[in-house]
C-alpha atoms as a PDB file:
ATOM      1  CA  ASN A   1     -79.136  47.197 -17.035  1.00  0.00           C
ATOM      2  CA  THR A   2     -76.853  45.267 -14.964  1.00  0.00           C
ATOM      3  CA  THR A   3     -73.526  43.323 -15.202  1.00  0.00           C
ATOM      4  CA  ASP A   4     -73.745  39.389 -15.176  1.00  0.00           C
ATOM      5  CA  ARG A   5     -72.357  39.059 -11.943  1.00  0.00           C
ATOM      6  CA  THR A   6     -75.002  41.570 -10.562  1.00  0.00           C
ATOM      7  CA  GLN A   7     -77.666  39.698 -11.972  1.00  0.00           C
ATOM      8  CA  GLU A   8     -76.157  36.503 -10.580  1.00  0.00           C
ATOM      9  CA  SER A   9     -76.092  38.131  -7.169  1.00  0.00           C
ATOM     10  CA  TYR A  10     -79.780  39.521  -7.295  1.00  0.00           C
ATOM     11  CA  THR A  11     -80.745  36.083  -8.454  1.00  0.00           C
ATOM     12  CA  SER A  12     -79.175  34.154  -5.538  1.00  0.00           C
ATOM     13  CA  ILE A  13     -80.541  36.585  -3.025  1.00  0.00           C
ATOM     14  CA  VAL A  14     -83.865  36.400  -4.401  1.00  0.00           C
ATOM     15  CA  GLU A  15     -83.836  32.313  -4.416  1.00  0.00           C
ATOM     16  CA  ARG A  16     -81.943  31.619  -1.157  1.00  0.00           C
ATOM     17  CA  HIS A  17     -83.435  34.249   0.850  1.00  0.00           C
ATOM     18  CA  LEU A  18     -86.301  35.960   0.001  1.00  0.00           C
ATOM     19  CA  ILE A  19     -88.704  33.561  -1.759  1.00  0.00           C
ATOM     20  CA  PRO A  20     -87.682  31.020   1.428  1.00  0.00           C
ATOM     21  CA  SER A  21     -88.765  33.781   3.774  1.00  0.00           C
ATOM     22  CA  LEU A  22     -91.385  36.008   1.726  1.00  0.00           C
ATOM     23  CA  GLY A  23     -92.461  33.784  -0.569  1.00  0.00           C
ATOM     24  CA  LYS A  24     -95.737  32.583   0.995  1.00  0.00           C
ATOM     25  CA  VAL A  25     -97.079  36.330   1.548  1.00  0.00           C
ATOM     26  CA  THR A  26     -98.846  37.919  -1.405  1.00  0.00           C
ATOM     27  CA  LEU A  27     -97.808  41.484  -2.441  1.00  0.00           C
ATOM     28  CA  THR A  28    -101.119  42.350  -1.439  1.00  0.00           C
ATOM     29  CA  ASP A  29    -101.167  41.160   1.823  1.00  0.00           C
ATOM     30  CA  LEU A  30     -97.300  42.379   2.648  1.00  0.00           C
ATOM     31  CA  GLN A  31     -96.887  44.457   5.605  1.00  0.00           C
ATOM     32  CA  PRO A  32     -93.971  46.608   7.090  1.00  0.00           C
ATOM     33  CA  MET A  33     -93.930  43.811  10.122  1.00  0.00           C
ATOM     34  CA  HIS A  34     -93.081  41.292   7.521  1.00  0.00           C
ATOM     35  CA  ILE A  35     -90.092  43.294   6.188  1.00  0.00           C
ATOM     36  CA  GLN A  36     -89.046  43.992   9.790  1.00  0.00           C
ATOM     37  CA  SER A  37     -89.063  40.193  11.159  1.00  0.00           C
ATOM     38  CA  TYR A  38     -87.421  39.305   7.695  1.00  0.00           C
ATOM     39  CA  TYR A  39     -84.584  41.443   8.449  1.00  0.00           C
ATOM     40  CA  ALA A  40     -84.541  40.529  12.147  1.00  0.00           C
ATOM     41  CA  GLU A  41     -84.328  36.773  11.172  1.00  0.00           C
ATOM     42  CA  LYS A  42     -81.451  37.327   8.544  1.00  0.00           C
ATOM     43  CA  LEU A  43     -79.320  39.286  11.140  1.00  0.00           C
ATOM     44  CA  ASN A  44     -79.783  36.192  13.667  1.00  0.00           C
ATOM     45  CA  ARG A  45     -79.448  33.140  11.471  1.00  0.00           C
ATOM     46  CA  GLY A  46     -79.199  34.377   7.642  1.00  0.00           C
ATOM     47  CA  ARG A  47     -75.739  32.735   6.862  1.00  0.00           C
ATOM     48  CA  ALA A  48     -76.147  29.923   4.227  1.00  0.00           C
ATOM     49  CA  ASP A  49     -73.779  27.594   6.251  1.00  0.00           C
ATOM     50  CA  GLY A  50     -75.505  28.228   9.198  1.00  0.00           C
ATOM     51  CA  LYS A  51     -72.757  29.914  11.117  1.00  0.00           C
ATOM     52  CA  GLY A  52     -74.529  32.902  12.382  1.00  0.00           C
ATOM     53  CA  GLY A  53     -76.292  35.725  10.697  1.00  0.00           C
ATOM     54  CA  LEU A  54     -75.875  38.026   7.837  1.00  0.00           C
ATOM     55  CA  SER A  55     -74.026  41.578   7.850  1.00  0.00           C
ATOM     56  CA  ALA A  56     -75.792  44.709   8.154  1.00  0.00           C
ATOM     57  CA  ARG A  57     -74.478  45.769   5.242  1.00  0.00           C
ATOM     58  CA  SER A  58     -75.970  42.363   3.542  1.00  0.00           C
ATOM     59  CA  ILE A  59     -79.331  43.197   4.741  1.00  0.00           C
ATOM     60  CA  VAL A  60     -79.206  46.733   3.077  1.00  0.00           C
ATOM     61  CA  TYR A  61     -78.296  45.104  -0.096  1.00  0.00           C
ATOM     62  CA  HIS A  62     -81.751  42.942   0.312  1.00  0.00           C
ATOM     63  CA  HIS A  63     -83.564  45.939   1.264  1.00  0.00           C
ATOM     64  CA  ARG A  64     -82.491  47.823  -1.896  1.00  0.00           C
ATOM     65  CA  ILE A  65     -83.557  44.706  -4.071  1.00  0.00           C
ATOM     66  CA  LEU A  66     -87.197  44.698  -2.293  1.00  0.00           C
ATOM     67  CA  SER A  67     -87.533  48.189  -2.538  1.00  0.00           C
ATOM     68  CA  ASN A  68     -86.739  48.447  -6.314  1.00  0.00           C
ATOM     69  CA  SER A  69     -88.966  45.201  -6.727  1.00  0.00           C
ATOM     70  CA  LEU A  70     -92.001  47.057  -4.966  1.00  0.00           C
ATOM     71  CA  ASP A  71     -91.193  50.281  -6.667  1.00  0.00           C
ATOM     72  CA  TYR A  72     -91.875  48.435 -10.058  1.00  0.00           C
ATOM     73  CA  ALA A  73     -95.030  46.635  -8.821  1.00  0.00           C
ATOM     74  CA  VAL A  74     -96.611  49.911  -7.846  1.00  0.00           C
ATOM     75  CA  LYS A  75     -95.487  51.261 -11.387  1.00  0.00           C
ATOM     76  CA  MET A  76     -97.146  48.228 -12.920  1.00  0.00           C
ATOM     77  CA  GLY A  77    -100.330  48.795 -10.677  1.00  0.00           C
ATOM     78  CA  VAL A  78     -99.994  45.444  -8.714  1.00  0.00           C
ATOM     79  CA  VAL A  79    -100.178  47.297  -5.250  1.00  0.00           C
ATOM     80  CA  VAL A  80    -100.724  50.970  -4.409  1.00  0.00           C
ATOM     81  CA  ARG A  81     -97.657  51.407  -1.983  1.00  0.00           C
ATOM     82  CA  ASN A  82     -94.134  50.558  -1.508  1.00  0.00           C
ATOM     83  CA  VAL A  83     -94.157  48.948   2.180  1.00  0.00           C
ATOM     84  CA  VAL A  84     -90.541  48.351   2.225  1.00  0.00           C
ATOM     85  CA  LYS A  85     -89.999  52.424   2.261  1.00  0.00           C
ATOM     86  CA  LEU A  86     -91.510  51.921   5.576  1.00  0.00           C
ATOM     87  CA  VAL A  87     -89.003  49.989   7.179  1.00  0.00           C
ATOM     88  CA  GLN A  88     -85.640  51.275   8.253  1.00  0.00           C
ATOM     89  CA  PRO A  89     -82.929  48.672   7.425  1.00  0.00           C
ATOM     90  CA  PRO A  90     -80.131  48.209   9.964  1.00  0.00           C
ATOM     91  CA  ARG A  91     -77.349  51.039  10.308  1.00  0.00           C
ATOM     92  CA  VAL A  92     -74.280  49.863   8.737  1.00  0.00           C
ATOM     93  CA  ALA A  93     -71.321  50.298  10.545  1.00  0.00           C
ATOM     94  CA  LYS A  94     -68.172  52.265   9.601  1.00  0.00           C
ATOM     95  CA  VAL A  95     -65.622  49.772   8.149  1.00  0.00           C
ATOM     96  CA  THR A  96     -62.368  50.308   9.498  1.00  0.00           C
ATOM     97  CA  MET A  97     -59.765  50.097   6.806  1.00  0.00           C
ATOM     98  CA  ASN A  98     -57.023  47.623   7.470  1.00  0.00           C
ATOM     99  CA  THR A  99     -53.746  48.136   5.894  1.00  0.00           C
ATOM    100  CA  LEU A 100     -50.194  46.357   6.435  1.00  0.00           C
ATOM    101  CA  SER A 101     -47.260  48.076   7.967  1.00  0.00           C
ATOM    102  CA  PRO A 102     -43.931  48.077   6.085  1.00  0.00           C
ATOM    103  CA  GLU A 103     -42.778  45.576   8.192  1.00  0.00           C
ATOM    104  CA  GLU A 104     -45.692  43.119   7.461  1.00  0.00           C
ATOM    105  CA  VAL A 105     -45.417  44.120   3.801  1.00  0.00           C
ATOM    106  CA  THR A 106     -41.981  42.424   4.069  1.00  0.00           C
ATOM    107  CA  ARG A 107     -43.163  39.388   5.933  1.00  0.00           C
ATOM    108  CA  PHE A 108     -45.883  38.882   3.520  1.00  0.00           C
ATOM    109  CA  LEU A 109     -43.730  39.286   0.167  1.00  0.00           C
ATOM    110  CA  ASP A 110     -41.054  36.858   1.787  1.00  0.00           C
ATOM    111  CA  VAL A 111     -43.858  34.254   2.122  1.00  0.00           C
ATOM    112  CA  ALA A 112     -45.406  34.965  -1.263  1.00  0.00           C
ATOM    113  CA  ARG A 113     -41.820  34.672  -2.727  1.00  0.00           C
ATOM    114  CA  GLU A 114     -42.075  30.886  -2.104  1.00  0.00           C
ATOM    115  CA  THR A 115     -45.360  30.681  -4.098  1.00  0.00           C
ATOM    116  CA  ASP A 116     -46.149  30.927  -7.755  1.00  0.00           C
ATOM    117  CA  TYR A 117     -48.181  34.111  -6.954  1.00  0.00           C
ATOM    118  CA  TYR A 118     -45.443  36.195  -5.766  1.00  0.00           C
ATOM    119  CA  VAL A 119     -45.340  38.795  -8.902  1.00  0.00           C
ATOM    120  CA  TYR A 120     -48.979  39.153  -8.851  1.00  0.00           C
ATOM    121  CA  PHE A 121     -49.152  39.981  -4.999  1.00  0.00           C
ATOM    122  CA  ALA A 122     -46.085  42.042  -5.454  1.00  0.00           C
ATOM    123  CA  THR A 123     -47.870  44.035  -8.159  1.00  0.00           C
ATOM    124  CA  LEU A 124     -51.107  44.606  -6.227  1.00  0.00           C
ATOM    125  CA  LEU A 125     -49.147  45.994  -3.481  1.00  0.00           C
ATOM    126  CA  TYR A 126     -47.181  48.335  -5.770  1.00  0.00           C
ATOM    127  CA  THR A 127     -49.762  49.570  -8.105  1.00  0.00           C
ATOM    128  CA  GLY A 128     -52.902  49.511  -5.821  1.00  0.00           C
ATOM    129  CA  LEU A 129     -55.036  47.610  -8.507  1.00  0.00           C
ATOM    130  CA  ARG A 130     -57.954  45.552  -7.915  1.00  0.00           C
ATOM    131  CA  ARG A 131     -57.971  41.737  -8.075  1.00  0.00           C
ATOM    132  CA  GLY A 132     -59.840  41.591 -11.319  1.00  0.00           C
ATOM    133  CA  GLU A 133     -58.020  44.411 -12.835  1.00  0.00           C
ATOM    134  CA  LEU A 134     -54.599  42.430 -12.478  1.00  0.00           C
ATOM    135  CA  LEU A 135     -55.908  39.183 -13.612  1.00  0.00           C
ATOM    136  CA  ALA A 136     -57.360  40.860 -16.703  1.00  0.00           C
ATOM    137  CA  LEU A 137     -53.907  42.244 -17.718  1.00  0.00           C
ATOM    138  CA  ARG A 138     -52.399  41.662 -20.907  1.00  0.00           C
ATOM    139  CA  TRP A 139     -48.871  41.973 -22.104  1.00  0.00           C
ATOM    140  CA  ARG A 140     -49.913  44.749 -24.614  1.00  0.00           C
ATOM    141  CA  ASN A 141     -51.197  47.050 -21.681  1.00  0.00           C
ATOM    142  CA  LEU A 142     -47.687  46.581 -19.764  1.00  0.00           C
ATOM    143  CA  ASP A 143     -45.039  48.798 -21.199  1.00  0.00           C
ATOM    144  CA  LEU A 144     -41.916  48.042 -19.356  1.00  0.00           C
ATOM    145  CA  GLU A 145     -39.929  50.598 -21.462  1.00  0.00           C
ATOM    146  CA  SER A 146     -41.707  53.686 -20.427  1.00  0.00           C
ATOM    147  CA  ALA A 147     -42.665  51.821 -16.906  1.00  0.00           C
ATOM    148  CA  THR A 148     -46.378  51.810 -17.094  1.00  0.00           C
ATOM    149  CA  LEU A 149     -49.310  49.665 -16.724  1.00  0.00           C
ATOM    150  CA  THR A 150     -52.661  50.578 -18.495  1.00  0.00           C
ATOM    151  CA  VAL A 151     -55.957  49.327 -16.938  1.00  0.00           C
ATOM    152  CA  VAL A 152     -58.542  48.404 -19.538  1.00  0.00           C
ATOM    153  CA  GLU A 153     -60.481  45.439 -18.466  1.00  0.00           C
ATOM    154  CA  THR A 154     -61.440  43.560 -15.510  1.00  0.00           C
ATOM    155  CA  ALA A 155     -61.741  39.697 -14.756  1.00  0.00           C
ATOM    156  CA  TYR A 156     -64.310  37.717 -12.775  1.00  0.00           C
ATOM    157  CA  LYS A 157     -65.732  34.233 -12.425  1.00  0.00           C
ATOM    158  CA  LEU A 158     -69.603  33.542 -12.470  1.00  0.00           C
ATOM    159  CA  GLY A 159     -71.043  30.936 -10.093  1.00  0.00           C
ATOM    160  CA  ASN A 160     -71.981  28.812 -13.220  1.00  0.00           C
ATOM    161  CA  GLY A 161     -68.011  28.648 -14.085  1.00  0.00           C
ATOM    162  CA  ASN A 162     -67.944  31.393 -16.908  1.00  0.00           C
ATOM    163  CA  TYR A 163     -64.846  33.538 -16.623  1.00  0.00           C
ATOM    164  CA  VAL A 164     -65.704  36.957 -17.786  1.00  0.00           C
ATOM    165  CA  ILE A 165     -63.575  39.705 -19.184  1.00  0.00           C
ATOM    166  CA  LYS A 166     -65.310  43.490 -19.070  1.00  0.00           C
ATOM    167  CA  GLU A 167     -64.587  46.980 -19.245  1.00  0.00           C
ATOM    168  CA  PRO A 168     -64.159  48.607 -15.798  1.00  0.00           C
ATOM    169  CA  LYS A 169     -67.529  49.859 -14.190  1.00  0.00           C
ATOM    170  CA  THR A 170     -66.533  53.643 -14.701  1.00  0.00           C
ATOM    171  CA  PRO A 171     -64.354  55.846 -17.257  1.00  0.00           C
ATOM    172  CA  GLN A 172     -62.227  56.637 -14.213  1.00  0.00           C
ATOM    173  CA  SER A 173     -61.115  53.082 -13.637  1.00  0.00           C
ATOM    174  CA  ARG A 174     -59.523  52.873 -16.790  1.00  0.00           C
ATOM    175  CA  ARG A 175     -55.968  54.234 -16.106  1.00  0.00           C
ATOM    176  CA  SER A 176     -52.571  54.177 -16.433  1.00  0.00           C
ATOM    177  CA  VAL A 177     -50.257  53.457 -13.601  1.00  0.00           C
ATOM    178  CA  THR A 178     -46.407  54.094 -13.067  1.00  0.00           C
ATOM    179  CA  LEU A 179     -44.302  51.139 -12.077  1.00  0.00           C
ATOM    180  CA  PRO A 180     -41.614  51.462  -9.515  1.00  0.00           C
ATOM    181  CA  PRO A 181     -38.110  50.376 -10.897  1.00  0.00           C
ATOM    182  CA  SER A 182     -38.033  47.039  -8.720  1.00  0.00           C
ATOM    183  CA  LEU A 183     -41.311  46.097 -10.208  1.00  0.00           C
ATOM    184  CA  VAL A 184     -40.114  46.511 -13.878  1.00  0.00           C
ATOM    185  CA  GLU A 185     -36.850  44.491 -13.321  1.00  0.00           C
ATOM    186  CA  LEU A 186     -39.292  41.833 -11.483  1.00  0.00           C
ATOM    187  CA  PHE A 187     -41.621  41.793 -14.899  1.00  0.00           C
ATOM    188  CA  LYS A 188     -38.747  41.457 -17.177  1.00  0.00           C
ATOM    189  CA  VAL A 189     -37.705  38.231 -15.238  1.00  0.00           C
ATOM    190  CA  TYR A 190     -41.220  37.146 -15.235  1.00  0.00           C
ATOM    191  CA  ARG A 191     -41.738  37.550 -19.037  1.00  0.00           C
ATOM    192  CA  ALA A 192     -38.685  35.658 -19.709  1.00  0.00           C
ATOM    193  CA  ASP A 193     -40.315  32.713 -17.515  1.00  0.00           C
ATOM    194  CA  GLN A 194     -43.384  33.061 -19.482  1.00  0.00           C
ATOM    195  CA  GLU A 195     -41.806  33.154 -22.812  1.00  0.00           C
ATOM    196  CA  LEU A 196     -40.157  29.834 -21.912  1.00  0.00           C
ATOM    197  CA  LEU A 197     -43.379  28.168 -20.716  1.00  0.00           C
ATOM    198  CA  ARG A 198     -44.968  29.322 -23.917  1.00  0.00           C
ATOM    199  CA  ILE A 199     -41.805  27.535 -25.718  1.00  0.00           C
ATOM    200  CA  GLN A 200     -42.771  24.332 -23.717  1.00  0.00           C
ATOM    201  CA  LEU A 201     -46.704  24.667 -24.599  1.00  0.00           C
ATOM    202  CA  GLY A 202     -45.672  24.802 -28.167  1.00  0.00           C
ATOM    203  CA  VAL A 203     -46.951  28.361 -28.685  1.00  0.00           C
ATOM    204  CA  SER A 204     -45.458  31.850 -28.719  1.00  0.00           C
ATOM    205  CA  LEU A 205     -46.264  34.619 -26.458  1.00  0.00           C
ATOM    206  CA  ASN A 206     -48.154  37.605 -27.974  1.00  0.00           C
ATOM    207  CA  ALA A 207     -49.336  40.657 -26.768  1.00  0.00           C
ATOM    208  CA  ASP A 208     -52.819  39.530 -26.340  1.00  0.00           C
ATOM    209  CA  ASP A 209     -52.278  36.844 -23.799  1.00  0.00           C
ATOM    210  CA  PHE A 210     -53.021  37.609 -19.842  1.00  0.00           C
ATOM    211  CA  VAL A 211     -49.717  38.377 -18.077  1.00  0.00           C
ATOM    212  CA  PHE A 212     -51.076  36.002 -15.276  1.00  0.00           C
ATOM    213  CA  ILE A 213     -51.681  32.437 -16.532  1.00  0.00           C
ATOM    214  CA  ARG A 214     -52.148  28.954 -15.141  1.00  0.00           C
ATOM    215  CA  PRO A 215     -49.391  26.485 -16.254  1.00  0.00           C
ATOM    216  CA  ASP A 216     -51.635  25.062 -18.950  1.00  0.00           C
ATOM    217  CA  GLY A 217     -52.015  28.660 -20.522  1.00  0.00           C
ATOM    218  CA  SER A 218     -55.584  29.343 -19.254  1.00  0.00           C
ATOM    219  CA  PRO A 219     -56.691  32.352 -17.033  1.00  0.00           C
ATOM    220  CA  VAL A 220     -56.285  32.366 -13.353  1.00  0.00           C
ATOM    221  CA  ASN A 221     -59.130  31.460 -11.355  1.00  0.00           C
ATOM    222  CA  PRO A 222     -59.726  34.786  -8.828  1.00  0.00           C
ATOM    223  CA  ASN A 223     -60.772  32.404  -6.089  1.00  0.00           C
ATOM    224  CA  ALA A 224     -57.563  30.488  -6.525  1.00  0.00           C
ATOM    225  CA  VAL A 225     -55.825  33.919  -6.072  1.00  0.00           C
ATOM    226  CA  THR A 226     -57.953  34.768  -2.747  1.00  0.00           C
ATOM    227  CA  LEU A 227     -56.990  31.175  -1.482  1.00  0.00           C
ATOM    228  CA  ALA A 228     -53.389  31.588  -1.956  1.00  0.00           C
ATOM    229  CA  PHE A 229     -53.768  35.190  -0.475  1.00  0.00           C
ATOM    230  CA  ARG A 230     -55.257  33.565   2.587  1.00  0.00           C
ATOM    231  CA  ARG A 231     -52.556  30.750   2.838  1.00  0.00           C
ATOM    232  CA  ILE A 232     -49.873  33.406   2.543  1.00  0.00           C
ATOM    233  CA  ILE A 233     -51.356  35.853   5.470  1.00  0.00           C
ATOM    234  CA  ASN A 234     -51.583  32.662   7.928  1.00  0.00           C
ATOM    235  CA  LYS A 235     -48.187  31.359   7.122  1.00  0.00           C
ATOM    236  CA  ALA A 236     -46.692  34.995   7.615  1.00  0.00           C
ATOM    237  CA  MET A 237     -48.786  35.079  11.047  1.00  0.00           C
ATOM    238  CA  LEU A 238     -50.587  38.207  10.051  1.00  0.00           C
ATOM    239  CA  ARG A 239     -53.669  39.295  11.208  1.00  0.00           C
ATOM    240  CA  SER A 240     -56.914  38.363   9.018  1.00  0.00           C
ATOM    241  CA  ILE A 241     -57.434  41.187   6.228  1.00  0.00           C
ATOM    242  CA  ARG A 242     -58.982  41.117   2.772  1.00  0.00           C
ATOM    243  CA  ILE A 243     -57.036  40.887  -0.497  1.00  0.00           C
ATOM    244  CA  HIS A 244     -58.865  44.429  -1.410  1.00  0.00           C
ATOM    245  CA  ASP A 245     -56.845  45.716   1.464  1.00  0.00           C
ATOM    246  CA  LEU A 246     -53.596  45.544  -0.436  1.00  0.00           C
ATOM    247  CA  ARG A 247     -55.078  48.375  -2.142  1.00  0.00           C
ATOM    248  CA  HIS A 248     -55.307  50.240   0.938  1.00  0.00           C
ATOM    249  CA  THR A 249     -51.896  49.368   2.036  1.00  0.00           C
ATOM    250  CA  HIS A 250     -50.614  50.887  -1.353  1.00  0.00           C
ATOM    251  CA  ALA A 251     -52.236  54.081  -0.738  1.00  0.00           C
ATOM    252  CA  THR A 252     -51.340  54.351   2.817  1.00  0.00           C
ATOM    253  CA  LEU A 253     -47.650  53.684   1.981  1.00  0.00           C
ATOM    254  CA  MET A 254     -47.731  56.410  -0.881  1.00  0.00           C
ATOM    255  CA  LEU A 255     -49.255  59.080   1.528  1.00  0.00           C
ATOM    256  CA  LYS A 256     -46.951  58.442   4.212  1.00  0.00           C
ATOM    257  CA  ALA A 257     -43.806  58.588   1.540  1.00  0.00           C
ATOM    258  CA  GLY A 258     -45.036  62.215   1.183  1.00  0.00           C
ATOM    259  CA  VAL A 259     -46.825  61.471  -2.270  1.00  0.00           C
ATOM    260  CA  HIS A 260     -49.681  64.059  -3.143  1.00  0.00           C
ATOM    261  CA  PRO A 261     -53.003  62.626  -2.153  1.00  0.00           C
ATOM    262  CA  LYS A 262     -54.234  63.520  -5.864  1.00  0.00           C
ATOM    263  CA  VAL A 263     -51.705  61.753  -7.273  1.00  0.00           C
ATOM    264  CA  VAL A 264     -52.456  58.320  -5.000  1.00  0.00           C
ATOM    265  CA  SER A 265     -56.173  59.003  -5.789  1.00  0.00           C
ATOM    266  CA  GLU A 266     -55.287  58.848  -9.949  1.00  0.00           C
ATOM    267  CA  ARG A 267     -53.653  55.919  -9.377  1.00  0.00           C
ATOM    268  CA  LEU A 268     -56.560  54.015  -7.885  1.00  0.00           C
END
């Protein structure tokens, strides 16, 4: 009962890490020392590109997959105990939340304005949406008259190239977000540009179309968005942050502006 992306992640870990390192050890011979050695090996040199080890968080993910697998083996009577539960995974350090200051936001948007992704990144900053939520936004879920945006889907791309549109993971992720006036005006101009593009493509803009598309009308590749984000960050000479940190930036700026924490939480 997992998503396609989760299944793909599990398969990758099993095929690229677990089988090469532990595949020759039978389940009945598997001991805690095998698991401990595996964790140490991956922490030291586990990256696929050969440039160092995996993070403690990644190892904890491997630990979870191994433990769940051994739980199933116990249930099926293949082994009598789950030896993974006898091993302590590495401690995950608390992640420091990175955000942009108001001055850095201005620098970021000044550079973004020179790209095709300006409206996209401005929307991330002023709504706090996740990357996939905004890529899956359709015109029918964007009401410029009432200045609201409704999140009902999320988008991601699998390693095999399949583009997936699904409902958000939790009911709380389905939400309406109020848009600031400046963003409403930006969308009005953007929509006019999109209508002109559709005319050039010989089609009309309809409510089920994605708001953000490629020039040929196809969905935007999430990885292309991330690559564009990194280029903007570098050109703006900002410190290295993740695209997800724009979400944290949005929350931080709202809290500093005096917005009630409950209101901020409901937007996210």
